[in-house]
Every structure is written in C-alpha cells, then in structure tokens.
mmCIF file of all heavy atoms, coordinates in Angstrom:
data_MODEL
# 
_entry.id   MODEL 
# 
loop_
_atom_site.group_PDB 
_atom_site.id 
_atom_site.type_symbol 
_atom_site.label_atom_id 
_atom_site.label_alt_id 
_atom_site.label_comp_id 
_atom_site.label_asym_id 
_atom_site.label_entity_id 
_atom_site.label_seq_id 
_atom_site.pdbx_PDB_ins_code 
_atom_site.Cartn_x 
_atom_site.Cartn_y 
_atom_site.Cartn_z 
_atom_site.occupancy 
_atom_site.B_iso_or_equiv 
_atom_site.pdbx_formal_charge 
_atom_site.auth_seq_id 
_atom_site.auth_comp_id 
_atom_site.auth_asym_id 
_atom_site.auth_atom_id 
_atom_site.pdbx_PDB_model_num 
ATOM 1   N N   . ARG A 1 1  ? -23.276 -6.624  -7.102  1.00 0.00 ? 1  ARG A N   1 
ATOM 2   C CA  . ARG A 1 1  ? -23.756 -6.552  -5.722  1.00 0.00 ? 1  ARG A CA  1 
ATOM 3   C C   . ARG A 1 1  ? -25.119 -7.197  -5.498  1.00 0.00 ? 1  ARG A C   1 
ATOM 4   O O   . ARG A 1 1  ? -25.344 -7.842  -4.473  1.00 0.00 ? 1  ARG A O   1 
ATOM 5   C CB  . ARG A 1 1  ? -23.867 -5.078  -5.285  1.00 0.00 ? 1  ARG A CB  1 
ATOM 6   C CG  . ARG A 1 1  ? -22.560 -4.366  -5.067  1.00 0.00 ? 1  ARG A CG  1 
ATOM 7   C CD  . ARG A 1 1  ? -22.862 -2.945  -4.623  1.00 0.00 ? 1  ARG A CD  1 
ATOM 8   N NE  . ARG A 1 1  ? -21.664 -2.185  -4.308  1.00 0.00 ? 1  ARG A NE  1 
ATOM 9   C CZ  . ARG A 1 1  ? -21.686 -0.914  -3.883  1.00 0.00 ? 1  ARG A CZ  1 
ATOM 10  N NH1 . ARG A 1 1  ? -22.841 -0.295  -3.751  1.00 0.00 ? 1  ARG A NH1 1 
ATOM 11  N NH2 . ARG A 1 1  ? -20.551 -0.291  -3.619  1.00 0.00 ? 1  ARG A NH2 1 
ATOM 12  N N   . SER A 1 2  ? -26.048 -6.964  -6.414  1.00 0.00 ? 2  SER A N   1 
ATOM 13  C CA  . SER A 1 2  ? -27.459 -7.238  -6.143  1.00 0.00 ? 2  SER A CA  1 
ATOM 14  C C   . SER A 1 2  ? -27.967 -8.545  -6.727  1.00 0.00 ? 2  SER A C   1 
ATOM 15  O O   . SER A 1 2  ? -29.159 -8.862  -6.595  1.00 0.00 ? 2  SER A O   1 
ATOM 16  C CB  . SER A 1 2  ? -28.318 -6.076  -6.682  1.00 0.00 ? 2  SER A CB  1 
ATOM 17  O OG  . SER A 1 2  ? -27.920 -4.848  -6.114  1.00 0.00 ? 2  SER A OG  1 
ATOM 18  N N   . TYR A 1 3  ? -27.114 -9.290  -7.405  1.00 0.00 ? 3  TYR A N   1 
ATOM 19  C CA  . TYR A 1 3  ? -27.481 -10.577 -7.983  1.00 0.00 ? 3  TYR A CA  1 
ATOM 20  C C   . TYR A 1 3  ? -26.440 -11.598 -7.518  1.00 0.00 ? 3  TYR A C   1 
ATOM 21  O O   . TYR A 1 3  ? -25.286 -11.250 -7.270  1.00 0.00 ? 3  TYR A O   1 
ATOM 22  C CB  . TYR A 1 3  ? -27.498 -10.507 -9.509  1.00 0.00 ? 3  TYR A CB  1 
ATOM 23  C CG  . TYR A 1 3  ? -28.478 -9.500  -10.079 1.00 0.00 ? 3  TYR A CG  1 
ATOM 24  C CD1 . TYR A 1 3  ? -28.186 -8.130  -10.050 1.00 0.00 ? 3  TYR A CD1 1 
ATOM 25  C CD2 . TYR A 1 3  ? -29.681 -9.915  -10.637 1.00 0.00 ? 3  TYR A CD2 1 
ATOM 26  C CE1 . TYR A 1 3  ? -29.088 -7.202  -10.576 1.00 0.00 ? 3  TYR A CE1 1 
ATOM 27  C CE2 . TYR A 1 3  ? -30.576 -8.999  -11.162 1.00 0.00 ? 3  TYR A CE2 1 
ATOM 28  C CZ  . TYR A 1 3  ? -30.280 -7.638  -11.126 1.00 0.00 ? 3  TYR A CZ  1 
ATOM 29  O OH  . TYR A 1 3  ? -31.165 -6.715  -11.635 1.00 0.00 ? 3  TYR A OH  1 
ATOM 30  N N   . ASN A 1 4  ? -26.815 -12.809 -7.451  1.00 0.00 ? 4  ASN A N   1 
ATOM 31  C CA  . ASN A 1 4  ? -25.883 -13.844 -7.014  1.00 0.00 ? 4  ASN A CA  1 
ATOM 32  C C   . ASN A 1 4  ? -25.096 -14.375 -8.210  1.00 0.00 ? 4  ASN A C   1 
ATOM 33  O O   . ASN A 1 4  ? -25.126 -15.567 -8.516  1.00 0.00 ? 4  ASN A O   1 
ATOM 34  C CB  . ASN A 1 4  ? -26.662 -14.974 -6.333  1.00 0.00 ? 4  ASN A CB  1 
ATOM 35  C CG  . ASN A 1 4  ? -25.757 -15.970 -5.637  1.00 0.00 ? 4  ASN A CG  1 
ATOM 36  O OD1 . ASN A 1 4  ? -24.594 -15.680 -5.348  1.00 0.00 ? 4  ASN A OD1 1 
ATOM 37  N ND2 . ASN A 1 4  ? -26.277 -17.160 -5.393  1.00 0.00 ? 4  ASN A ND2 1 
ATOM 38  N N   . TYR A 1 5  ? -24.395 -13.447 -8.882  1.00 0.00 ? 5  TYR A N   1 
ATOM 39  C CA  . TYR A 1 5  ? -23.740 -13.773 -10.145 1.00 0.00 ? 5  TYR A CA  1 
ATOM 40  C C   . TYR A 1 5  ? -22.234 -13.985 -10.021 1.00 0.00 ? 5  TYR A C   1 
ATOM 41  O O   . TYR A 1 5  ? -21.582 -14.335 -11.008 1.00 0.00 ? 5  TYR A O   1 
ATOM 42  C CB  . TYR A 1 5  ? -23.982 -12.656 -11.158 1.00 0.00 ? 5  TYR A CB  1 
ATOM 43  C CG  . TYR A 1 5  ? -25.376 -12.621 -11.756 1.00 0.00 ? 5  TYR A CG  1 
ATOM 44  C CD1 . TYR A 1 5  ? -25.832 -11.491 -12.416 1.00 0.00 ? 5  TYR A CD1 1 
ATOM 45  C CD2 . TYR A 1 5  ? -26.231 -13.712 -11.673 1.00 0.00 ? 5  TYR A CD2 1 
ATOM 46  C CE1 . TYR A 1 5  ? -27.100 -11.443 -12.989 1.00 0.00 ? 5  TYR A CE1 1 
ATOM 47  C CE2 . TYR A 1 5  ? -27.492 -13.673 -12.224 1.00 0.00 ? 5  TYR A CE2 1 
ATOM 48  C CZ  . TYR A 1 5  ? -27.928 -12.539 -12.886 1.00 0.00 ? 5  TYR A CZ  1 
ATOM 49  O OH  . TYR A 1 5  ? -29.177 -12.495 -13.445 1.00 0.00 ? 5  TYR A OH  1 
ATOM 50  N N   . ILE A 1 6  ? -21.652 -13.733 -8.843  1.00 0.00 ? 6  ILE A N   1 
ATOM 51  C CA  . ILE A 1 6  ? -20.200 -13.758 -8.703  1.00 0.00 ? 6  ILE A CA  1 
ATOM 52  C C   . ILE A 1 6  ? -19.751 -14.950 -7.871  1.00 0.00 ? 6  ILE A C   1 
ATOM 53  O O   . ILE A 1 6  ? -20.308 -15.237 -6.807  1.00 0.00 ? 6  ILE A O   1 
ATOM 54  C CB  . ILE A 1 6  ? -19.693 -12.455 -8.041  1.00 0.00 ? 6  ILE A CB  1 
ATOM 55  C CG1 . ILE A 1 6  ? -20.132 -11.241 -8.854  1.00 0.00 ? 6  ILE A CG1 1 
ATOM 56  C CG2 . ILE A 1 6  ? -18.179 -12.492 -7.876  1.00 0.00 ? 6  ILE A CG2 1 
ATOM 57  C CD1 . ILE A 1 6  ? -19.610 -11.218 -10.273 1.00 0.00 ? 6  ILE A CD1 1 
ATOM 58  N N   . ASP A 1 7  ? -18.738 -15.638 -8.354  1.00 0.00 ? 7  ASP A N   1 
ATOM 59  C CA  . ASP A 1 7  ? -18.091 -16.710 -7.601  1.00 0.00 ? 7  ASP A CA  1 
ATOM 60  C C   . ASP A 1 7  ? -17.005 -16.074 -6.739  1.00 0.00 ? 7  ASP A C   1 
ATOM 61  O O   . ASP A 1 7  ? -15.931 -15.712 -7.236  1.00 0.00 ? 7  ASP A O   1 
ATOM 62  C CB  . ASP A 1 7  ? -17.482 -17.731 -8.567  1.00 0.00 ? 7  ASP A CB  1 
ATOM 63  C CG  . ASP A 1 7  ? -16.822 -18.904 -7.862  1.00 0.00 ? 7  ASP A CG  1 
ATOM 64  O OD1 . ASP A 1 7  ? -16.677 -18.847 -6.624  1.00 0.00 ? 7  ASP A OD1 1 
ATOM 65  O OD2 . ASP A 1 7  ? -16.442 -19.867 -8.551  1.00 0.00 ? 7  ASP A OD2 1 
ATOM 66  N N   . GLU A 1 8  ? -17.291 -15.911 -5.479  1.00 0.00 ? 8  GLU A N   1 
ATOM 67  C CA  . GLU A 1 8  ? -16.383 -15.198 -4.580  1.00 0.00 ? 8  GLU A CA  1 
ATOM 68  C C   . GLU A 1 8  ? -15.079 -15.944 -4.329  1.00 0.00 ? 8  GLU A C   1 
ATOM 69  O O   . GLU A 1 8  ? -14.133 -15.369 -3.794  1.00 0.00 ? 8  GLU A O   1 
ATOM 70  C CB  . GLU A 1 8  ? -17.083 -14.919 -3.235  1.00 0.00 ? 8  GLU A CB  1 
ATOM 71  C CG  . GLU A 1 8  ? -18.316 -14.039 -3.337  1.00 0.00 ? 8  GLU A CG  1 
ATOM 72  C CD  . GLU A 1 8  ? -18.002 -12.601 -3.739  1.00 0.00 ? 8  GLU A CD  1 
ATOM 73  O OE1 . GLU A 1 8  ? -16.805 -12.229 -3.725  1.00 0.00 ? 8  GLU A OE1 1 
ATOM 74  O OE2 . GLU A 1 8  ? -18.945 -11.866 -4.062  1.00 0.00 ? 8  GLU A OE2 1 
ATOM 75  N N   . SER A 1 9  ? -15.008 -17.202 -4.728  1.00 0.00 ? 9  SER A N   1 
ATOM 76  C CA  . SER A 1 9  ? -13.781 -17.968 -4.500  1.00 0.00 ? 9  SER A CA  1 
ATOM 77  C C   . SER A 1 9  ? -12.706 -17.666 -5.536  1.00 0.00 ? 9  SER A C   1 
ATOM 78  O O   . SER A 1 9  ? -11.546 -18.041 -5.357  1.00 0.00 ? 9  SER A O   1 
ATOM 79  C CB  . SER A 1 9  ? -14.087 -19.474 -4.517  1.00 0.00 ? 9  SER A CB  1 
ATOM 80  O OG  . SER A 1 9  ? -14.451 -19.902 -5.832  1.00 0.00 ? 9  SER A OG  1 
ATOM 81  N N   . VAL A 1 10 ? -13.069 -16.975 -6.618  1.00 0.00 ? 10 VAL A N   1 
ATOM 82  C CA  . VAL A 1 10 ? -12.110 -16.665 -7.678  1.00 0.00 ? 10 VAL A CA  1 
ATOM 83  C C   . VAL A 1 10 ? -11.265 -15.455 -7.274  1.00 0.00 ? 10 VAL A C   1 
ATOM 84  O O   . VAL A 1 10 ? -11.789 -14.370 -7.027  1.00 0.00 ? 10 VAL A O   1 
ATOM 85  C CB  . VAL A 1 10 ? -12.823 -16.386 -9.008  1.00 0.00 ? 10 VAL A CB  1 
ATOM 86  C CG1 . VAL A 1 10 ? -11.812 -15.972 -10.083 1.00 0.00 ? 10 VAL A CG1 1 
ATOM 87  C CG2 . VAL A 1 10 ? -13.602 -17.602 -9.460  1.00 0.00 ? 10 VAL A CG2 1 
ATOM 88  N N   . SER A 1 11 ? -9.961  -15.659 -7.216  1.00 0.00 ? 11 SER A N   1 
ATOM 89  C CA  . SER A 1 11 ? -9.055  -14.572 -6.835  1.00 0.00 ? 11 SER A CA  1 
ATOM 90  C C   . SER A 1 11 ? -8.768  -13.667 -8.030  1.00 0.00 ? 11 SER A C   1 
ATOM 91  O O   . SER A 1 11 ? -8.671  -14.128 -9.161  1.00 0.00 ? 11 SER A O   1 
ATOM 92  C CB  . SER A 1 11 ? -7.738  -15.153 -6.310  1.00 0.00 ? 11 SER A CB  1 
ATOM 93  O OG  . SER A 1 11 ? -6.802  -14.128 -6.050  1.00 0.00 ? 11 SER A OG  1 
ATOM 94  N N   . TYR A 1 12 ? -8.651  -12.358 -7.747  1.00 0.00 ? 12 TYR A N   1 
ATOM 95  C CA  . TYR A 1 12 ? -8.370  -11.420 -8.835  1.00 0.00 ? 12 TYR A CA  1 
ATOM 96  C C   . TYR A 1 12 ? -7.339  -10.367 -8.442  1.00 0.00 ? 12 TYR A C   1 
ATOM 97  O O   . TYR A 1 12 ? -6.799  -9.668  -9.298  1.00 0.00 ? 12 TYR A O   1 
ATOM 98  C CB  . TYR A 1 12 ? -9.654  -10.715 -9.264  1.00 0.00 ? 12 TYR A CB  1 
ATOM 99  C CG  . TYR A 1 12 ? -10.262 -9.827  -8.196  1.00 0.00 ? 12 TYR A CG  1 
ATOM 100 C CD1 . TYR A 1 12 ? -9.936  -8.471  -8.120  1.00 0.00 ? 12 TYR A CD1 1 
ATOM 101 C CD2 . TYR A 1 12 ? -11.142 -10.331 -7.248  1.00 0.00 ? 12 TYR A CD2 1 
ATOM 102 C CE1 . TYR A 1 12 ? -10.480 -7.664  -7.137  1.00 0.00 ? 12 TYR A CE1 1 
ATOM 103 C CE2 . TYR A 1 12 ? -11.691 -9.541  -6.281  1.00 0.00 ? 12 TYR A CE2 1 
ATOM 104 C CZ  . TYR A 1 12 ? -11.362 -8.206  -6.215  1.00 0.00 ? 12 TYR A CZ  1 
ATOM 105 O OH  . TYR A 1 12 ? -11.894 -7.405  -5.235  1.00 0.00 ? 12 TYR A OH  1 
ATOM 106 N N   . LYS A 1 13 ? -7.052  -10.233 -7.171  1.00 0.00 ? 13 LYS A N   1 
ATOM 107 C CA  . LYS A 1 13 ? -6.213  -9.125  -6.716  1.00 0.00 ? 13 LYS A CA  1 
ATOM 108 C C   . LYS A 1 13 ? -4.792  -9.198  -7.250  1.00 0.00 ? 13 LYS A C   1 
ATOM 109 O O   . LYS A 1 13 ? -4.116  -8.178  -7.391  1.00 0.00 ? 13 LYS A O   1 
ATOM 110 C CB  . LYS A 1 13 ? -6.225  -9.065  -5.193  1.00 0.00 ? 13 LYS A CB  1 
ATOM 111 C CG  . LYS A 1 13 ? -7.599  -8.696  -4.637  1.00 0.00 ? 13 LYS A CG  1 
ATOM 112 C CD  . LYS A 1 13 ? -7.596  -8.534  -3.131  1.00 0.00 ? 13 LYS A CD  1 
ATOM 113 C CE  . LYS A 1 13 ? -8.982  -8.135  -2.636  1.00 0.00 ? 13 LYS A CE  1 
ATOM 114 N NZ  . LYS A 1 13 ? -9.033  -7.997  -1.160  1.00 0.00 ? 13 LYS A NZ  1 
ATOM 115 N N   . SER A 1 14 ? -4.319  -10.424 -7.581  1.00 0.00 ? 14 SER A N   1 
ATOM 116 C CA  . SER A 1 14 ? -2.950  -10.550 -8.094  1.00 0.00 ? 14 SER A CA  1 
ATOM 117 C C   . SER A 1 14 ? -2.788  -9.913  -9.464  1.00 0.00 ? 14 SER A C   1 
ATOM 118 O O   . SER A 1 14 ? -1.672  -9.657  -9.916  1.00 0.00 ? 14 SER A O   1 
ATOM 119 C CB  . SER A 1 14 ? -2.563  -12.033 -8.178  1.00 0.00 ? 14 SER A CB  1 
ATOM 120 O OG  . SER A 1 14 ? -3.416  -12.727 -9.072  1.00 0.00 ? 14 SER A OG  1 
ATOM 121 N N   . TYR A 1 15 ? -3.916  -9.641  -10.151 1.00 0.00 ? 15 TYR A N   1 
ATOM 122 C CA  . TYR A 1 15 ? -3.847  -9.056  -11.492 1.00 0.00 ? 15 TYR A CA  1 
ATOM 123 C C   . TYR A 1 15 ? -3.784  -7.525  -11.484 1.00 0.00 ? 15 TYR A C   1 
ATOM 124 O O   . TYR A 1 15 ? -3.566  -6.917  -12.531 1.00 0.00 ? 15 TYR A O   1 
ATOM 125 C CB  . TYR A 1 15 ? -5.073  -9.481  -12.309 1.00 0.00 ? 15 TYR A CB  1 
ATOM 126 C CG  . TYR A 1 15 ? -5.106  -10.943 -12.653 1.00 0.00 ? 15 TYR A CG  1 
ATOM 127 C CD1 . TYR A 1 15 ? -6.260  -11.682 -12.462 1.00 0.00 ? 15 TYR A CD1 1 
ATOM 128 C CD2 . TYR A 1 15 ? -3.983  -11.598 -13.160 1.00 0.00 ? 15 TYR A CD2 1 
ATOM 129 C CE1 . TYR A 1 15 ? -6.310  -13.036 -12.773 1.00 0.00 ? 15 TYR A CE1 1 
ATOM 130 C CE2 . TYR A 1 15 ? -4.027  -12.944 -13.465 1.00 0.00 ? 15 TYR A CE2 1 
ATOM 131 C CZ  . TYR A 1 15 ? -5.188  -13.656 -13.273 1.00 0.00 ? 15 TYR A CZ  1 
ATOM 132 O OH  . TYR A 1 15 ? -5.228  -14.991 -13.579 1.00 0.00 ? 15 TYR A OH  1 
ATOM 133 N N   . ILE A 1 16 ? -3.981  -6.923  -10.324 1.00 0.00 ? 16 ILE A N   1 
ATOM 134 C CA  . ILE A 1 16 ? -4.071  -5.460  -10.274 1.00 0.00 ? 16 ILE A CA  1 
ATOM 135 C C   . ILE A 1 16 ? -2.802  -4.802  -10.821 1.00 0.00 ? 16 ILE A C   1 
ATOM 136 O O   . ILE A 1 16 ? -2.859  -3.792  -11.536 1.00 0.00 ? 16 ILE A O   1 
ATOM 137 C CB  . ILE A 1 16 ? -4.359  -4.995  -8.831  1.00 0.00 ? 16 ILE A CB  1 
ATOM 138 C CG1 . ILE A 1 16 ? -5.778  -5.429  -8.433  1.00 0.00 ? 16 ILE A CG1 1 
ATOM 139 C CG2 . ILE A 1 16 ? -4.199  -3.480  -8.697  1.00 0.00 ? 16 ILE A CG2 1 
ATOM 140 C CD1 . ILE A 1 16 ? -6.137  -5.119  -6.988  1.00 0.00 ? 16 ILE A CD1 1 
ATOM 141 N N   . LYS A 1 17 ? -1.654  -5.391  -10.527 1.00 0.00 ? 17 LYS A N   1 
ATOM 142 C CA  . LYS A 1 17 ? -0.386  -4.776  -10.930 1.00 0.00 ? 17 LYS A CA  1 
ATOM 143 C C   . LYS A 1 17 ? -0.147  -4.788  -12.438 1.00 0.00 ? 17 LYS A C   1 
ATOM 144 O O   . LYS A 1 17 ? 0.736   -4.077  -12.934 1.00 0.00 ? 17 LYS A O   1 
ATOM 145 C CB  . LYS A 1 17 ? 0.786   -5.470  -10.228 1.00 0.00 ? 17 LYS A CB  1 
ATOM 146 C CG  . LYS A 1 17 ? 0.976   -6.923  -10.624 1.00 0.00 ? 17 LYS A CG  1 
ATOM 147 C CD  . LYS A 1 17 ? 2.141   -7.553  -9.862  1.00 0.00 ? 17 LYS A CD  1 
ATOM 148 C CE  . LYS A 1 17 ? 2.365   -8.996  -10.294 1.00 0.00 ? 17 LYS A CE  1 
ATOM 149 N NZ  . LYS A 1 17 ? 1.223   -9.867  -9.997  1.00 0.00 ? 17 LYS A NZ  1 
ATOM 150 N N   . ILE A 1 18 ? -0.931  -5.552  -13.172 1.00 0.00 ? 18 ILE A N   1 
ATOM 151 C CA  . ILE A 1 18 ? -0.689  -5.644  -14.617 1.00 0.00 ? 18 ILE A CA  1 
ATOM 152 C C   . ILE A 1 18 ? -1.627  -4.746  -15.426 1.00 0.00 ? 18 ILE A C   1 
ATOM 153 O O   . ILE A 1 18 ? -1.632  -4.802  -16.647 1.00 0.00 ? 18 ILE A O   1 
ATOM 154 C CB  . ILE A 1 18 ? -0.770  -7.115  -15.089 1.00 0.00 ? 18 ILE A CB  1 
ATOM 155 C CG1 . ILE A 1 18 ? -2.105  -7.766  -14.743 1.00 0.00 ? 18 ILE A CG1 1 
ATOM 156 C CG2 . ILE A 1 18 ? 0.367   -7.919  -14.513 1.00 0.00 ? 18 ILE A CG2 1 
ATOM 157 C CD1 . ILE A 1 18 ? -3.202  -7.541  -15.700 1.00 0.00 ? 18 ILE A CD1 1 
ATOM 158 N N   . ILE A 1 19 ? -2.409  -3.904  -14.764 1.00 0.00 ? 19 ILE A N   1 
ATOM 159 C CA  . ILE A 1 19 ? -3.367  -3.064  -15.485 1.00 0.00 ? 19 ILE A CA  1 
ATOM 160 C C   . ILE A 1 19 ? -2.662  -2.098  -16.430 1.00 0.00 ? 19 ILE A C   1 
ATOM 161 O O   . ILE A 1 19 ? -3.010  -1.986  -17.605 1.00 0.00 ? 19 ILE A O   1 
ATOM 162 C CB  . ILE A 1 19 ? -4.286  -2.319  -14.501 1.00 0.00 ? 19 ILE A CB  1 
ATOM 163 C CG1 . ILE A 1 19 ? -5.296  -3.309  -13.903 1.00 0.00 ? 19 ILE A CG1 1 
ATOM 164 C CG2 . ILE A 1 19 ? -5.024  -1.176  -15.201 1.00 0.00 ? 19 ILE A CG2 1 
ATOM 165 C CD1 . ILE A 1 19 ? -6.202  -2.712  -12.879 1.00 0.00 ? 19 ILE A CD1 1 
ATOM 166 N N   . LYS A 1 20 ? -1.678  -1.368  -15.939 1.00 0.00 ? 20 LYS A N   1 
ATOM 167 C CA  . LYS A 1 20 ? -0.990  -0.402  -16.800 1.00 0.00 ? 20 LYS A CA  1 
ATOM 168 C C   . LYS A 1 20 ? -0.259  -1.079  -17.954 1.00 0.00 ? 20 LYS A C   1 
ATOM 169 O O   . LYS A 1 20 ? -0.349  -0.615  -19.101 1.00 0.00 ? 20 LYS A O   1 
ATOM 170 C CB  . LYS A 1 20 ? -0.051  0.471   -15.967 1.00 0.00 ? 20 LYS A CB  1 
ATOM 171 C CG  . LYS A 1 20 ? -0.771  1.483   -15.088 1.00 0.00 ? 20 LYS A CG  1 
ATOM 172 C CD  . LYS A 1 20 ? 0.191   2.465   -14.463 1.00 0.00 ? 20 LYS A CD  1 
ATOM 173 C CE  . LYS A 1 20 ? -0.558  3.460   -13.585 1.00 0.00 ? 20 LYS A CE  1 
ATOM 174 N NZ  . LYS A 1 20 ? -1.535  4.254   -14.362 1.00 0.00 ? 20 LYS A NZ  1 
ATOM 175 N N   . PRO A 1 21 ? 0.481   -2.174  -17.720 1.00 0.00 ? 21 PRO A N   1 
ATOM 176 C CA  . PRO A 1 21 ? 1.081   -2.880  -18.864 1.00 0.00 ? 21 PRO A CA  1 
ATOM 177 C C   . PRO A 1 21 ? 0.040   -3.372  -19.868 1.00 0.00 ? 21 PRO A C   1 
ATOM 178 O O   . PRO A 1 21 ? 0.283   -3.348  -21.079 1.00 0.00 ? 21 PRO A O   1 
ATOM 179 C CB  . PRO A 1 21 ? 1.821   -4.050  -18.205 1.00 0.00 ? 21 PRO A CB  1 
ATOM 180 C CG  . PRO A 1 21 ? 2.121   -3.581  -16.831 1.00 0.00 ? 21 PRO A CG  1 
ATOM 181 C CD  . PRO A 1 21 ? 0.956   -2.733  -16.442 1.00 0.00 ? 21 PRO A CD  1 
ATOM 182 N N   . MET A 1 22 ? -1.138  -3.797  -19.384 1.00 0.00 ? 22 MET A N   1 
ATOM 183 C CA  . MET A 1 22 ? -2.180  -4.252  -20.292 1.00 0.00 ? 22 MET A CA  1 
ATOM 184 C C   . MET A 1 22 ? -2.708  -3.095  -21.136 1.00 0.00 ? 22 MET A C   1 
ATOM 185 O O   . MET A 1 22 ? -2.958  -3.249  -22.345 1.00 0.00 ? 22 MET A O   1 
ATOM 186 C CB  . MET A 1 22 ? -3.328  -4.889  -19.506 1.00 0.00 ? 22 MET A CB  1 
ATOM 187 C CG  . MET A 1 22 ? -4.430  -5.466  -20.387 1.00 0.00 ? 22 MET A CG  1 
ATOM 188 S SD  . MET A 1 22 ? -3.861  -6.764  -21.520 1.00 0.00 ? 22 MET A SD  1 
ATOM 189 C CE  . MET A 1 22 ? -3.429  -8.066  -20.347 1.00 0.00 ? 22 MET A CE  1 
ATOM 190 N N   . GLU A 1 23 ? -2.873  -1.929  -20.532 1.00 0.00 ? 23 GLU A N   1 
ATOM 191 C CA  . GLU A 1 23 ? -3.311  -0.759  -21.296 1.00 0.00 ? 23 GLU A CA  1 
ATOM 192 C C   . GLU A 1 23 ? -2.289  -0.412  -22.377 1.00 0.00 ? 23 GLU A C   1 
ATOM 193 O O   . GLU A 1 23 ? -2.651  -0.037  -23.497 1.00 0.00 ? 23 GLU A O   1 
ATOM 194 C CB  . GLU A 1 23 ? -3.509  0.435   -20.354 1.00 0.00 ? 23 GLU A CB  1 
ATOM 195 C CG  . GLU A 1 23 ? -4.723  0.293   -19.450 1.00 0.00 ? 23 GLU A CG  1 
ATOM 196 C CD  . GLU A 1 23 ? -4.878  1.476   -18.513 1.00 0.00 ? 23 GLU A CD  1 
ATOM 197 O OE1 . GLU A 1 23 ? -3.869  2.164   -18.231 1.00 0.00 ? 23 GLU A OE1 1 
ATOM 198 O OE2 . GLU A 1 23 ? -6.003  1.717   -18.060 1.00 0.00 ? 23 GLU A OE2 1 
ATOM 199 N N   . LYS A 1 24 ? -1.009  -0.553  -22.054 1.00 0.00 ? 24 LYS A N   1 
ATOM 200 C CA  . LYS A 1 24 ? 0.048   -0.287  -23.030 1.00 0.00 ? 24 LYS A CA  1 
ATOM 201 C C   . LYS A 1 24 ? -0.040  -1.265  -24.193 1.00 0.00 ? 24 LYS A C   1 
ATOM 202 O O   . LYS A 1 24 ? 0.097   -0.879  -25.371 1.00 0.00 ? 24 LYS A O   1 
ATOM 203 C CB  . LYS A 1 24 ? 1.416   -0.404  -22.342 1.00 0.00 ? 24 LYS A CB  1 
ATOM 204 C CG  . LYS A 1 24 ? 2.590   0.022   -23.203 1.00 0.00 ? 24 LYS A CG  1 
ATOM 205 C CD  . LYS A 1 24 ? 3.887   -0.043  -22.401 1.00 0.00 ? 24 LYS A CD  1 
ATOM 206 C CE  . LYS A 1 24 ? 5.077   0.365   -23.252 1.00 0.00 ? 24 LYS A CE  1 
ATOM 207 N NZ  . LYS A 1 24 ? 6.356   0.275   -22.472 1.00 0.00 ? 24 LYS A NZ  1 
ATOM 208 N N   . ALA A 1 25 ? -0.316  -2.537  -23.899 1.00 0.00 ? 25 ALA A N   1 
ATOM 209 C CA  . ALA A 1 25 ? -0.440  -3.545  -24.949 1.00 0.00 ? 25 ALA A CA  1 
ATOM 210 C C   . ALA A 1 25 ? -1.662  -3.277  -25.827 1.00 0.00 ? 25 ALA A C   1 
ATOM 211 O O   . ALA A 1 25 ? -1.605  -3.415  -27.058 1.00 0.00 ? 25 ALA A O   1 
ATOM 212 C CB  . ALA A 1 25 ? -0.530  -4.936  -24.327 1.00 0.00 ? 25 ALA A CB  1 
ATOM 213 N N   . LEU A 1 26 ? -2.775  -2.894  -25.213 1.00 0.00 ? 26 LEU A N   1 
ATOM 214 C CA  . LEU A 1 26 ? -3.982  -2.576  -25.986 1.00 0.00 ? 26 LEU A CA  1 
ATOM 215 C C   . LEU A 1 26 ? -3.739  -1.407  -26.928 1.00 0.00 ? 26 LEU A C   1 
ATOM 216 O O   . LEU A 1 26 ? -4.210  -1.409  -28.072 1.00 0.00 ? 26 LEU A O   1 
ATOM 217 C CB  . LEU A 1 26 ? -5.142  -2.267  -25.036 1.00 0.00 ? 26 LEU A CB  1 
ATOM 218 C CG  . LEU A 1 26 ? -5.756  -3.462  -24.305 1.00 0.00 ? 26 LEU A CG  1 
ATOM 219 C CD1 . LEU A 1 26 ? -6.736  -2.974  -23.244 1.00 0.00 ? 26 LEU A CD1 1 
ATOM 220 C CD2 . LEU A 1 26 ? -6.455  -4.395  -25.279 1.00 0.00 ? 26 LEU A CD2 1 
# 
C-alpha cells in the first residue's frame, strides 16, 4: 500500500481458484 512497489497492470485474480490445489501439492 505505502510504497510504489506494485505493477498494477499485472493480473492475479485468475489464480485464486488454484490456491487449494496448490496447498495440496505443497
């Protein structure tokens, strides 16, 4: 939030659905 460290053009929301499968793989 407080630093200009994030590229807001990078999409990430499409990855939300793979969180649980990723935890299973880990």
